[in-house]
Amino acid sequence: MKKLTSVGAIAVVAAAGLAIVPAGAAVGSAPLPASGFDQPAAVQSEQVLSAKTAAALGLGSGEVLKVKDVVKDADGTEYVRYDRTFNGLKVAGGDLIVKRTGDGAISGVTYNRGAAKVGVASTKPTLSQSAALAKGAKSAGFKATGNKGTLVIYVTPSKPVLAYEVVTTGVKADQTPSVLHSFIDANSGAVLATDDEIKTGTGNSMYAGTVTIGTTGSSGNYSMKDPSRGNNYTTDLNGKTSGTGTTFTDADNVWGNGAASNRQTAGVDAHYGAQLTWDYYKNVHGRNGIFNNGQGARSRVHYGSSYVNAFWDGTQMTYGDGSGNTHPLTAIDVAGHEMSHGVTEATANLNYSGDAGGLNEATSDIFGTMVEFYANNAADKGDYLIGEKININGNGTPLRYMDKPSKDGASKDCWSTSTGGLDPHYSSGPLNHWFYLASEGTGSKTINGVTYNSTACNGTTFAGVGRDVAAKVWYRTLSTKLSSGSTYKDARNGAITSAKELYGAGSAQCKGIQAAFSGISVPAGSAAC
């Protein structure tokens, strides 16, 4: 989902140079995973080994591995994420993670949905492509401006199936763009699953006061482009719903005035949020940009007319101006949320349906929250409330509550077998609750002026391990343990294993992570402290 925000009053931005933010180092002595600033080289190196890896894993005939990501620990242990093809067809959901020791030996493998084999008996469909395209367009629910399809292997929870992946593009009634992937059984015509590339949310706008932003240029000709953060840059769409927009420029390097009537103001908030998010991931998790390749991303503001939303579309962040075009949806937690969708896409690539959809959304809430705490901005102090500044409900209440998600009237506090059937914004509730419990524990607590009182679903009471530890564990889980179709049970096993790797079996940190998963009713699995 994409995020929300609210608007505070002041917002002038002076800028030349970089904003230096306290690093907020993670708790614990274990080294952070070195996800590698030479990521492309690491990927290329691993690709050479992919055929040998496929043979070592005993993959079926016709299966080919393609390296997507490599995470390397300080001790040489590597987590290599692969996508797969079968007889030349893309395997949607065929991703897997190979764990390799420092001497190159494979010590473990995690298959998405347990699919060790992804072959099908025949790659010849009985359903015509035109029929599949029609089904995809119908499932979209909006007027399509583009509709194309290709044969793939789709890994369902029970078996791989020959399917058409139909990609339908268009714009929904509320102006939100859509790139909908529908997976249609190539024999029965059944719609197996849908997944939209555009992850969306709701909100107003907010401001962070007078801040320093990274820009480039010289007197008389400054540009809102940040050379120290991969050339992150911010553009003005000027009410359009397509295109790249025009990069903001300024003569004296003093941007905006804190009012929505000044077009630069929204640009300042978006640019500032992007740089904070970049700094958080780099300084805390060792990640060099969204895709870990040192390249920045574009932020587009002033999208559409009275568009009360913001979204990540796979390459960039986009922000509407809110109701009446007076409250841009630009803020610290919005940027953190949106850019984290990009990080999820580049790592586990969690689906936007089922349990995985909730894990996807909650991941953005978790790291949006962490960016807000990391920023240490006096005008927007860190909290466990989502959208607390936007007044989306008209009564001053936030959009979501991490300590008790059900307070929003739709999200769930506890996981159950029906959680995956909910909208991702509501199935995210249990993992948001897990993050709060893991960070702060049960009971009443006041943080930065906000009072929380969280209870565990299983009635236990326990102390938290701190949000830095919880975030560090979740980042490692996302980047080394989860795949596109992961479930809450996978998340529990992955997080406990990650905590053991970072802090040791039997550590207080591992036990706290485990207690919090039990506290949201995710049953015990194969991993334990």
Protein backbone atom coordinates (compact mmCIF):
# COMPACT_ATOMS: atom_id res chain seq x y z
CA MET A 1 0.00 0.00 0.00
CA LYS A 2 1.09 3.50 -0.38
CA LYS A 3 1.06 5.92 2.22
CA LEU A 4 -0.53 8.78 3.83
CA THR A 5 0.51 11.86 5.58
CA SER A 6 -0.56 15.02 7.17
CA VAL A 7 0.43 18.55 7.06
CA GLY A 8 2.00 20.70 9.63
CA ALA A 9 2.36 24.36 9.23
CA ILE A 10 5.89 25.46 8.69
CA ALA A 11 7.90 24.19 5.81
CA VAL A 12 10.55 26.33 4.45
CA VAL A 13 13.55 24.43 3.32
CA ALA A 14 16.97 25.78 3.18
CA ALA A 15 19.34 23.54 1.46
CA ALA A 16 22.69 23.02 0.13
CA GLY A 17 24.46 19.90 1.11
CA LEU A 18 23.27 16.92 3.06
CA ALA A 19 21.14 16.37 6.07
CA ILE A 20 23.05 14.38 8.64
CA VAL A 21 20.77 12.20 10.72
CA PRO A 22 21.74 10.24 13.83
CA ALA A 23 22.54 6.72 12.74
CA GLY A 24 20.42 5.02 15.42
CA ALA A 25 22.57 1.92 15.27
CA ALA A 26 20.88 -1.38 15.89
CA VAL A 27 21.13 -2.92 19.33
CA GLY A 28 23.41 -5.91 19.79
CA SER A 29 26.98 -6.78 19.03
CA ALA A 30 26.45 -9.13 16.11
CA PRO A 31 27.60 -7.66 12.78
CA LEU A 32 24.98 -6.38 10.39
CA PRO A 33 24.66 -8.42 7.20
CA ALA A 34 26.83 -6.83 4.55
CA SER A 35 24.35 -6.75 1.72
CA GLY A 36 27.11 -5.46 -0.49
CA PHE A 37 27.67 -2.20 -2.27
CA ASP A 38 29.06 -4.11 -5.30
CA GLN A 39 25.78 -5.92 -5.76
CA PRO A 40 25.79 -6.06 -9.58
CA ALA A 41 29.26 -7.68 -9.58
CA ALA A 42 28.16 -10.20 -6.94
CA VAL A 43 25.08 -11.07 -9.00
CA GLN A 44 27.14 -11.52 -12.14
CA SER A 45 29.60 -13.74 -10.30
CA GLU A 46 26.82 -15.94 -8.93
CA GLN A 47 25.14 -16.21 -12.32
CA VAL A 48 28.20 -18.08 -13.58
CA LEU A 49 27.55 -20.70 -10.90
CA SER A 50 23.81 -21.00 -11.52
CA ALA A 51 23.98 -24.14 -13.69
CA LYS A 52 26.16 -25.91 -11.12
CA THR A 53 23.77 -24.81 -8.37
CA ALA A 54 20.77 -26.17 -10.29
CA ALA A 55 22.54 -29.49 -10.71
CA ALA A 56 23.54 -29.61 -7.03
CA LEU A 57 19.91 -29.01 -6.03
CA GLY A 58 18.69 -31.73 -8.37
CA LEU A 59 16.30 -29.41 -10.18
CA GLY A 60 14.18 -30.94 -12.89
CA SER A 61 15.03 -31.04 -16.57
CA GLY A 62 14.30 -27.73 -18.26
CA GLU A 63 14.66 -25.66 -15.07
CA VAL A 64 17.14 -22.77 -15.27
CA LEU A 65 18.15 -20.46 -12.42
CA LYS A 66 18.65 -16.70 -12.72
CA VAL A 67 20.33 -14.80 -9.90
CA LYS A 68 18.29 -11.91 -8.52
CA ASP A 69 20.07 -10.90 -5.32
CA VAL A 70 23.06 -11.80 -3.15
CA VAL A 71 23.42 -11.04 0.56
CA LYS A 72 26.80 -11.81 2.11
CA ASP A 73 27.51 -11.97 5.83
CA ALA A 74 30.79 -10.95 7.41
CA ASP A 75 31.76 -14.62 7.89
CA GLY A 76 31.39 -15.34 4.18
CA THR A 77 27.96 -16.98 4.37
CA GLU A 78 25.89 -16.06 1.31
CA TYR A 79 22.15 -16.00 0.69
CA VAL A 80 21.57 -16.15 -3.05
CA ARG A 81 18.05 -15.46 -4.32
CA TYR A 82 17.13 -17.03 -7.65
CA ASP A 83 14.22 -16.82 -10.06
CA ARG A 84 13.50 -19.80 -12.33
CA THR A 85 12.40 -20.61 -15.86
CA PHE A 86 11.05 -23.92 -17.15
CA ASN A 87 11.54 -24.82 -20.82
CA GLY A 88 12.04 -21.11 -21.47
CA LEU A 89 8.88 -19.99 -19.64
CA LYS A 90 9.05 -17.69 -16.62
CA VAL A 91 8.08 -19.43 -13.39
CA ALA A 92 5.94 -17.02 -11.36
CA GLY A 93 6.46 -18.02 -7.73
CA GLY A 94 9.42 -20.24 -8.54
CA ASP A 95 11.86 -18.13 -6.55
CA LEU A 96 14.18 -19.82 -4.07
CA ILE A 97 16.99 -18.90 -1.69
CA VAL A 98 20.22 -20.87 -1.48
CA LYS A 99 22.36 -20.58 1.64
CA ARG A 100 26.04 -21.13 0.95
CA THR A 101 28.86 -21.34 3.47
CA GLY A 102 32.10 -19.41 3.14
CA ASP A 103 33.80 -22.36 1.42
CA GLY A 104 31.11 -22.47 -1.27
CA ALA A 105 29.12 -25.46 0.00
CA ILE A 106 25.32 -25.32 -0.11
CA SER A 107 24.04 -25.56 3.46
CA GLY A 108 20.34 -24.94 2.93
CA VAL A 109 17.64 -24.01 0.44
CA THR A 110 14.24 -22.36 0.84
CA TYR A 111 11.70 -22.89 -1.95
CA ASN A 112 8.74 -20.56 -2.36
CA ARG A 113 5.65 -22.54 -1.36
CA GLY A 114 7.87 -25.59 -1.04
CA ALA A 115 8.09 -25.93 -4.83
CA ALA A 116 11.30 -27.91 -5.25
CA LYS A 117 10.13 -28.87 -8.76
CA VAL A 118 8.23 -26.53 -11.06
CA GLY A 119 7.84 -28.58 -14.22
CA VAL A 120 4.47 -29.28 -15.83
CA ALA A 121 3.48 -32.16 -18.10
CA SER A 122 2.87 -29.92 -21.11
CA THR A 123 3.54 -26.32 -22.03
CA LYS A 124 0.84 -26.33 -24.72
CA PRO A 125 -2.35 -24.53 -23.56
CA THR A 126 -5.89 -25.51 -24.45
CA LEU A 127 -7.22 -22.03 -23.59
CA SER A 128 -6.60 -19.44 -26.29
CA GLN A 129 -4.59 -16.35 -25.51
CA SER A 130 -7.51 -14.13 -26.56
CA ALA A 131 -9.77 -15.84 -24.03
CA ALA A 132 -7.15 -15.35 -21.31
CA LEU A 133 -6.78 -11.67 -22.22
CA ALA A 134 -10.53 -11.20 -21.95
CA LYS A 135 -10.58 -12.80 -18.50
CA GLY A 136 -7.69 -10.62 -17.35
CA ALA A 137 -9.37 -7.45 -18.57
CA LYS A 138 -12.61 -8.44 -16.84
CA SER A 139 -10.85 -9.09 -13.54
CA ALA A 140 -9.31 -5.61 -13.67
CA GLY A 141 -12.58 -3.77 -13.16
CA PHE A 142 -11.43 -0.66 -15.04
CA LYS A 143 -11.19 0.39 -18.68
CA ALA A 144 -7.99 -1.09 -20.01
CA THR A 145 -5.56 1.05 -21.96
CA GLY A 146 -3.29 -1.95 -22.46
CA ASN A 147 -3.73 -5.70 -22.20
CA LYS A 148 -1.08 -8.28 -23.01
CA GLY A 149 -0.40 -11.83 -21.99
CA THR A 150 2.25 -14.49 -22.07
CA LEU A 151 2.52 -18.14 -21.08
CA VAL A 152 4.19 -18.83 -17.72
CA ILE A 153 4.33 -21.49 -15.07
CA TYR A 154 2.42 -20.29 -12.00
CA VAL A 155 3.23 -21.94 -8.67
CA THR A 156 0.01 -22.36 -6.71
CA PRO A 157 0.11 -23.44 -3.04
CA SER A 158 -0.47 -27.04 -4.18
CA LYS A 159 1.32 -27.43 -7.53
CA PRO A 160 2.76 -25.62 -10.54
CA VAL A 161 0.24 -24.85 -13.29
CA LEU A 162 0.60 -23.72 -16.90
CA ALA A 163 -0.98 -20.28 -17.02
CA TYR A 164 -1.24 -17.03 -18.87
CA GLU A 165 0.13 -13.98 -17.08
CA VAL A 166 -2.14 -11.21 -18.33
CA VAL A 167 -0.94 -7.66 -17.62
CA THR A 168 -3.76 -5.13 -17.81
CA THR A 169 -2.92 -1.43 -17.55
CA GLY A 170 -5.26 1.48 -17.01
CA VAL A 171 -6.49 4.02 -14.49
CA LYS A 172 -9.03 3.34 -11.77
CA ALA A 173 -11.97 5.62 -11.08
CA ASP A 174 -10.09 7.38 -8.26
CA GLN A 175 -7.18 8.27 -10.66
CA THR A 176 -4.88 5.57 -9.27
CA PRO A 177 -2.96 3.88 -12.11
CA SER A 178 -3.02 0.10 -12.24
CA VAL A 179 -0.72 -2.54 -13.71
CA LEU A 180 -2.69 -5.66 -12.83
CA HIS A 181 -1.16 -9.11 -13.29
CA SER A 182 -3.83 -11.82 -13.59
CA PHE A 183 -2.76 -15.45 -13.69
CA ILE A 184 -5.22 -17.47 -15.78
CA ASP A 185 -5.08 -21.28 -15.85
CA ALA A 186 -4.11 -22.03 -19.46
CA ASN A 187 -6.36 -25.09 -19.55
CA SER A 188 -9.38 -24.47 -17.29
CA GLY A 189 -9.53 -20.68 -17.65
CA ALA A 190 -9.76 -20.20 -13.88
CA VAL A 191 -8.30 -17.00 -12.41
CA LEU A 192 -5.58 -18.36 -10.12
CA ALA A 193 -4.45 -15.06 -8.60
CA THR A 194 -4.08 -11.34 -9.23
CA ASP A 195 -1.36 -8.93 -8.18
CA ASP A 196 -1.17 -5.19 -8.88
CA GLU A 197 2.24 -3.58 -9.33
CA ILE A 198 0.83 -0.34 -7.96
CA LYS A 199 0.72 -0.48 -4.16
CA THR A 200 -1.56 2.22 -2.82
CA GLY A 201 -2.69 4.01 0.35
CA THR A 202 -4.62 7.05 1.57
CA GLY A 203 -3.97 10.34 3.35
CA ASN A 204 -3.49 14.07 3.59
CA SER A 205 -0.19 15.95 3.92
CA MET A 206 2.14 17.00 6.65
CA TYR A 207 5.32 18.97 7.11
CA ALA A 208 8.57 18.50 8.90
CA GLY A 209 9.49 22.11 9.58
CA THR A 210 12.67 23.74 8.28
CA VAL A 211 15.00 20.99 7.08
CA THR A 212 18.18 20.55 5.04
CA ILE A 213 17.93 18.72 1.73
CA GLY A 214 20.52 17.53 -0.75
CA THR A 215 20.61 19.58 -3.96
CA THR A 216 22.98 20.26 -6.83
CA GLY A 217 23.99 23.30 -8.89
CA SER A 218 25.26 26.77 -8.11
CA SER A 219 23.91 30.24 -7.37
CA GLY A 220 21.09 31.13 -9.71
CA ASN A 221 20.55 27.54 -10.87
CA TYR A 222 19.94 24.89 -8.21
CA SER A 223 18.20 21.57 -8.86
CA MET A 224 16.31 19.29 -6.46
CA LYS A 225 18.66 16.41 -7.17
CA ASP A 226 20.71 14.75 -4.43
CA PRO A 227 24.17 13.67 -5.70
CA SER A 228 25.11 12.07 -2.38
CA ARG A 229 22.18 9.65 -2.48
CA GLY A 230 22.33 8.14 -5.93
CA ASN A 231 20.88 11.29 -7.50
CA ASN A 232 17.47 10.96 -5.87
CA TYR A 233 15.43 13.70 -7.53
CA THR A 234 11.99 15.26 -7.21
CA THR A 235 9.72 16.49 -10.00
CA ASP A 236 6.50 18.47 -10.43
CA LEU A 237 3.78 16.66 -12.42
CA ASN A 238 1.67 19.82 -12.38
CA GLY A 239 -1.62 17.90 -12.25
CA LYS A 240 -0.77 15.32 -14.89
CA THR A 241 -1.21 11.59 -14.32
CA SER A 242 1.64 10.42 -16.54
CA GLY A 243 5.15 11.37 -17.51
CA THR A 244 8.23 12.13 -15.43
CA GLY A 245 7.39 15.70 -14.50
CA THR A 246 9.78 18.64 -14.37
CA THR A 247 12.64 18.59 -11.87
CA PHE A 248 12.28 21.40 -9.34
CA THR A 249 14.78 24.25 -9.76
CA ASP A 250 15.50 27.35 -7.69
CA ALA A 251 17.78 30.38 -7.81
CA ASP A 252 18.81 30.75 -4.16
CA ASN A 253 18.59 27.15 -2.88
CA VAL A 254 15.87 28.04 -0.37
CA TRP A 255 12.82 25.96 -1.23
CA GLY A 256 9.14 26.23 -0.34
CA ASN A 257 7.41 28.31 2.30
CA GLY A 258 5.41 25.75 4.28
CA ALA A 259 2.16 26.41 2.42
CA ALA A 260 0.51 24.16 -0.14
CA SER A 261 0.08 27.17 -2.42
CA ASN A 262 3.84 27.12 -3.01
CA ARG A 263 4.52 24.24 -5.42
CA GLN A 264 7.99 23.66 -3.99
CA THR A 265 6.63 22.86 -0.54
CA ALA A 266 5.35 19.39 -1.49
CA GLY A 267 8.63 18.78 -3.30
CA VAL A 268 10.60 19.61 -0.16
CA ASP A 269 8.69 17.09 1.96
CA ALA A 270 9.01 14.33 -0.64
CA HIS A 271 12.70 15.00 -1.23
CA TYR A 272 13.43 15.15 2.49
CA GLY A 273 11.56 11.90 3.11
CA ALA A 274 13.46 10.18 0.31
CA GLN A 275 16.83 11.22 1.71
CA LEU A 276 15.92 10.12 5.24
CA THR A 277 14.80 6.74 3.94
CA TRP A 278 18.02 6.34 1.94
CA ASP A 279 20.08 7.22 5.03
CA TYR A 280 18.13 4.86 7.27
CA TYR A 281 18.60 1.83 5.03
CA LYS A 282 22.26 2.60 4.35
CA ASN A 283 23.37 3.50 7.86
CA VAL A 284 21.31 0.90 9.72
CA HIS A 285 21.03 -2.03 7.31
CA GLY A 286 23.96 -1.47 4.94
CA ARG A 287 21.64 -1.16 1.93
CA ASN A 288 22.80 1.20 -0.82
CA GLY A 289 19.49 2.49 -2.20
CA ILE A 290 16.18 0.78 -2.89
CA PHE A 291 17.69 -1.76 -5.28
CA ASN A 292 21.03 -1.91 -3.44
CA ASN A 293 22.90 -0.69 -6.52
CA GLY A 294 23.68 2.87 -5.47
CA GLN A 295 21.07 4.37 -7.79
CA GLY A 296 18.51 6.85 -6.52
CA ALA A 297 14.85 7.11 -7.43
CA ARG A 298 12.44 9.77 -8.59
CA SER A 299 9.72 11.32 -6.44
CA ARG A 300 6.82 12.91 -8.34
CA VAL A 301 4.51 15.38 -6.61
CA HIS A 302 1.30 17.21 -7.64
CA TYR A 303 -0.15 14.10 -9.30
CA GLY A 304 -3.67 14.45 -10.74
CA SER A 305 -6.33 16.66 -9.21
CA SER A 306 -7.47 16.34 -5.57
CA TYR A 307 -5.85 12.89 -5.57
CA VAL A 308 -5.95 11.61 -1.99
CA ASN A 309 -3.26 8.98 -2.31
CA ALA A 310 0.39 8.16 -2.88
CA PHE A 311 1.94 5.10 -4.50
CA TRP A 312 5.04 3.18 -5.53
CA ASP A 313 4.90 1.84 -9.10
CA GLY A 314 8.06 -0.22 -9.28
CA THR A 315 10.45 2.61 -10.15
CA GLN A 316 9.32 5.80 -8.42
CA MET A 317 7.27 7.41 -5.66
CA THR A 318 4.22 9.51 -6.58
CA TYR A 319 2.17 11.81 -4.34
CA GLY A 320 -1.21 13.43 -4.83
CA ASP A 321 -2.24 16.81 -3.42
CA GLY A 322 -5.13 15.54 -1.31
CA SER A 323 -8.67 16.81 -1.02
CA GLY A 324 -9.09 20.17 -2.72
CA ASN A 325 -5.43 20.09 -3.75
CA THR A 326 -4.59 21.68 -0.41
CA HIS A 327 -2.95 18.82 1.53
CA PRO A 328 -0.13 17.10 -0.42
CA LEU A 329 0.47 13.54 0.74
CA THR A 330 4.14 14.14 1.32
CA ALA A 331 5.75 13.20 4.64
CA ILE A 332 8.56 11.29 6.30
CA ASP A 333 6.60 8.12 6.98
CA VAL A 334 5.01 8.26 3.54
CA ALA A 335 8.39 8.21 1.85
CA GLY A 336 9.60 5.49 4.19
CA HIS A 337 6.51 3.41 3.46
CA GLU A 338 6.61 3.90 -0.31
CA MET A 339 10.34 3.34 -0.76
CA SER A 340 10.09 0.23 1.41
CA HIS A 341 7.68 -1.24 -1.12
CA GLY A 342 10.60 -0.92 -3.50
CA VAL A 343 12.94 -2.67 -1.07
CA THR A 344 10.42 -5.50 -0.68
CA GLU A 345 10.12 -5.77 -4.45
CA ALA A 346 13.90 -5.98 -4.79
CA THR A 347 14.24 -8.67 -2.10
CA ALA A 348 11.42 -11.09 -1.20
CA ASN A 349 9.08 -9.61 -3.84
CA LEU A 350 6.11 -10.52 -1.66
CA ASN A 351 2.84 -10.96 -3.53
CA TYR A 352 0.06 -8.47 -2.86
CA SER A 353 -2.49 -11.12 -1.93
CA GLY A 354 -2.91 -13.82 0.70
CA ASP A 355 -0.67 -13.77 3.76
CA ALA A 356 2.12 -12.38 1.60
CA GLY A 357 0.05 -9.26 0.87
CA GLY A 358 -0.27 -8.52 4.58
CA LEU A 359 3.44 -9.13 5.12
CA ASN A 360 4.17 -6.75 2.23
CA GLU A 361 2.01 -3.95 3.61
CA ALA A 362 3.21 -4.38 7.18
CA THR A 363 6.83 -4.31 6.02
CA SER A 364 6.23 -0.83 4.61
CA ASP A 365 4.49 0.25 7.82
CA ILE A 366 7.36 -1.17 9.91
CA PHE A 367 10.12 0.58 8.00
CA GLY A 368 8.09 3.76 7.48
CA THR A 369 7.78 3.84 11.28
CA MET A 370 11.49 3.17 11.69
CA VAL A 371 12.40 5.99 9.29
CA GLU A 372 10.17 8.31 11.34
CA PHE A 373 11.97 7.35 14.57
CA TYR A 374 15.35 7.56 12.82
CA ALA A 375 14.65 11.07 11.54
CA ASN A 376 14.32 12.37 15.10
CA ASN A 377 12.40 15.34 13.71
CA ALA A 378 10.89 17.58 16.38
CA ALA A 379 7.88 18.37 14.19
CA ASP A 380 7.08 14.70 13.60
CA LYS A 381 8.30 12.55 16.45
CA GLY A 382 8.49 8.81 16.04
CA ASP A 383 5.46 6.77 17.03
CA TYR A 384 3.66 3.50 16.35
CA LEU A 385 0.69 5.22 14.74
CA ILE A 386 0.24 5.15 10.97
CA GLY A 387 -1.08 8.35 9.42
CA GLU A 388 -1.45 10.15 12.71
CA LYS A 389 -1.08 13.56 11.06
CA ILE A 390 -3.62 13.26 8.27
CA ASN A 391 -6.92 13.28 10.15
CA ILE A 392 -8.29 10.92 7.52
CA ASN A 393 -11.23 10.05 9.76
CA GLY A 394 -12.09 13.67 10.50
CA ASN A 395 -11.74 13.21 14.26
CA GLY A 396 -7.98 13.30 14.74
CA THR A 397 -7.51 9.52 14.87
CA PRO A 398 -4.74 7.80 12.87
CA LEU A 399 -5.24 5.45 9.95
CA ARG A 400 -3.68 2.44 11.70
CA TYR A 401 -2.44 1.47 15.16
CA MET A 402 0.49 -0.92 15.53
CA ASP A 403 -0.10 -1.63 19.23
CA LYS A 404 -3.73 -2.67 18.62
CA PRO A 405 -4.49 -2.80 14.88
CA SER A 406 -8.19 -3.60 15.38
CA LYS A 407 -8.74 -0.07 16.69
CA ASP A 408 -9.11 1.05 13.05
CA GLY A 409 -12.25 -1.09 12.80
CA ALA A 410 -10.98 -3.45 10.09
CA SER A 411 -7.44 -4.69 10.76
CA LYS A 412 -6.78 -7.86 12.72
CA ASP A 413 -4.71 -8.08 15.91
CA CYS A 414 -4.14 -11.83 15.65
CA TRP A 415 -3.30 -14.17 12.81
CA SER A 416 -5.76 -16.89 11.78
CA THR A 417 -6.25 -19.12 8.76
CA SER A 418 -8.66 -16.51 7.36
CA THR A 419 -6.21 -13.59 7.56
CA GLY A 420 -4.95 -14.13 4.02
CA GLY A 421 -8.41 -13.52 2.60
CA LEU A 422 -8.42 -9.89 3.73
CA ASP A 423 -7.31 -6.76 1.91
CA PRO A 424 -3.52 -6.42 2.47
CA HIS A 425 -4.06 -3.21 4.43
CA TYR A 426 -6.00 -5.22 7.02
CA SER A 427 -4.14 -8.53 6.86
CA SER A 428 -1.06 -6.46 7.71
CA GLY A 429 -2.47 -5.99 11.21
CA PRO A 430 -0.95 -9.09 12.85
CA LEU A 431 2.59 -8.33 11.65
CA ASN A 432 2.27 -4.68 12.67
CA HIS A 433 1.13 -5.95 16.07
CA TRP A 434 4.10 -8.35 16.14
CA PHE A 435 6.49 -5.50 15.49
CA TYR A 436 5.06 -3.43 18.32
CA LEU A 437 5.09 -6.36 20.76
CA ALA A 438 8.62 -7.37 19.77
CA SER A 439 9.78 -3.77 20.14
CA GLU A 440 7.95 -2.66 23.28
CA GLY A 441 6.32 -5.70 24.85
CA THR A 442 2.92 -5.89 26.50
CA GLY A 443 1.34 -3.42 28.91
CA SER A 444 0.97 0.33 29.13
CA LYS A 445 3.77 2.57 27.89
CA THR A 446 4.15 6.21 26.88
CA ILE A 447 6.62 7.07 24.10
CA ASN A 448 7.14 10.59 22.76
CA GLY A 449 3.88 11.66 24.36
CA VAL A 450 1.76 8.83 22.93
CA THR A 451 0.34 6.20 25.29
CA TYR A 452 0.02 2.59 24.16
CA ASN A 453 -1.44 -0.44 25.90
CA SER A 454 -0.87 -3.63 23.93
CA THR A 455 -1.95 -7.13 24.88
CA ALA A 456 -0.86 -10.46 23.42
CA CYS A 457 -3.47 -12.64 21.72
CA ASN A 458 -2.42 -15.62 23.83
CA GLY A 459 -2.71 -13.71 27.13
CA THR A 460 1.02 -13.76 27.95
CA THR A 461 3.01 -10.80 29.18
CA PHE A 462 6.59 -10.06 28.20
CA ALA A 463 9.10 -7.26 27.64
CA GLY A 464 10.14 -6.05 24.22
CA VAL A 465 13.64 -6.34 22.76
CA GLY A 466 13.66 -2.82 21.30
CA ARG A 467 12.57 -1.57 17.91
CA ASP A 468 16.14 -1.48 16.54
CA VAL A 469 16.54 -5.20 17.24
CA ALA A 470 13.08 -6.03 15.87
CA ALA A 471 13.73 -4.02 12.69
CA LYS A 472 17.17 -5.56 12.23
CA VAL A 473 15.67 -9.05 12.54
CA TRP A 474 12.82 -8.24 10.16
CA TYR A 475 15.15 -6.76 7.54
CA ARG A 476 17.29 -9.89 7.61
CA THR A 477 14.16 -12.03 7.37
CA LEU A 478 12.91 -10.04 4.37
CA SER A 479 16.25 -10.13 2.58
CA THR A 480 17.36 -13.70 3.29
CA LYS A 481 14.37 -15.84 4.30
CA LEU A 482 11.12 -14.84 2.57
CA SER A 483 9.94 -15.34 -1.01
CA SER A 484 7.01 -14.13 -3.07
CA GLY A 485 4.37 -16.47 -1.63
CA SER A 486 5.53 -16.52 2.00
CA THR A 487 3.01 -16.92 4.81
CA TYR A 488 2.85 -15.75 8.41
CA LYS A 489 4.20 -19.17 9.41
CA ASP A 490 7.16 -18.65 7.09
CA ALA A 491 7.65 -15.22 8.65
CA ARG A 492 7.80 -16.73 12.13
CA ASN A 493 10.31 -19.41 11.13
CA GLY A 494 12.37 -16.87 9.19
CA ALA A 495 12.44 -14.27 11.94
CA ILE A 496 13.41 -16.75 14.65
CA THR A 497 16.17 -18.14 12.45
CA SER A 498 17.36 -14.61 11.68
CA ALA A 499 17.39 -13.72 15.37
CA LYS A 500 19.46 -16.83 16.13
CA GLU A 501 21.93 -15.88 13.39
CA LEU A 502 22.23 -12.31 14.65
CA TYR A 503 22.10 -12.81 18.41
CA GLY A 504 22.51 -16.52 19.10
CA ALA A 505 20.22 -19.41 20.02
CA GLY A 506 18.69 -18.91 23.44
CA SER A 507 19.42 -15.18 23.39
CA ALA A 508 16.97 -12.73 24.95
CA GLN A 509 16.51 -11.15 21.53
CA CYS A 510 15.54 -14.45 19.91
CA LYS A 511 13.16 -15.33 22.74
CA GLY A 512 11.52 -11.91 22.47
CA ILE A 513 11.00 -12.28 18.71
CA GLN A 514 9.53 -15.75 19.29
CA ALA A 515 7.26 -14.58 22.10
CA ALA A 516 5.88 -11.80 19.92
CA PHE A 517 4.95 -14.24 17.14
CA SER A 518 3.20 -16.44 19.68
CA GLY A 519 1.61 -13.22 20.89
CA ILE A 520 -0.13 -12.74 17.53
CA SER A 521 -1.24 -16.41 17.42
CA VAL A 522 1.13 -17.67 14.74
CA PRO A 523 1.69 -21.31 15.76
CA ALA A 524 5.14 -22.74 16.43
CA GLY A 525 6.93 -24.10 13.41
CA SER A 526 10.28 -25.70 12.69
CA ALA A 527 12.37 -22.84 14.13
CA ALA A 528 12.81 -22.25 17.85
CA CYS A 529 15.20 -20.38 20.06
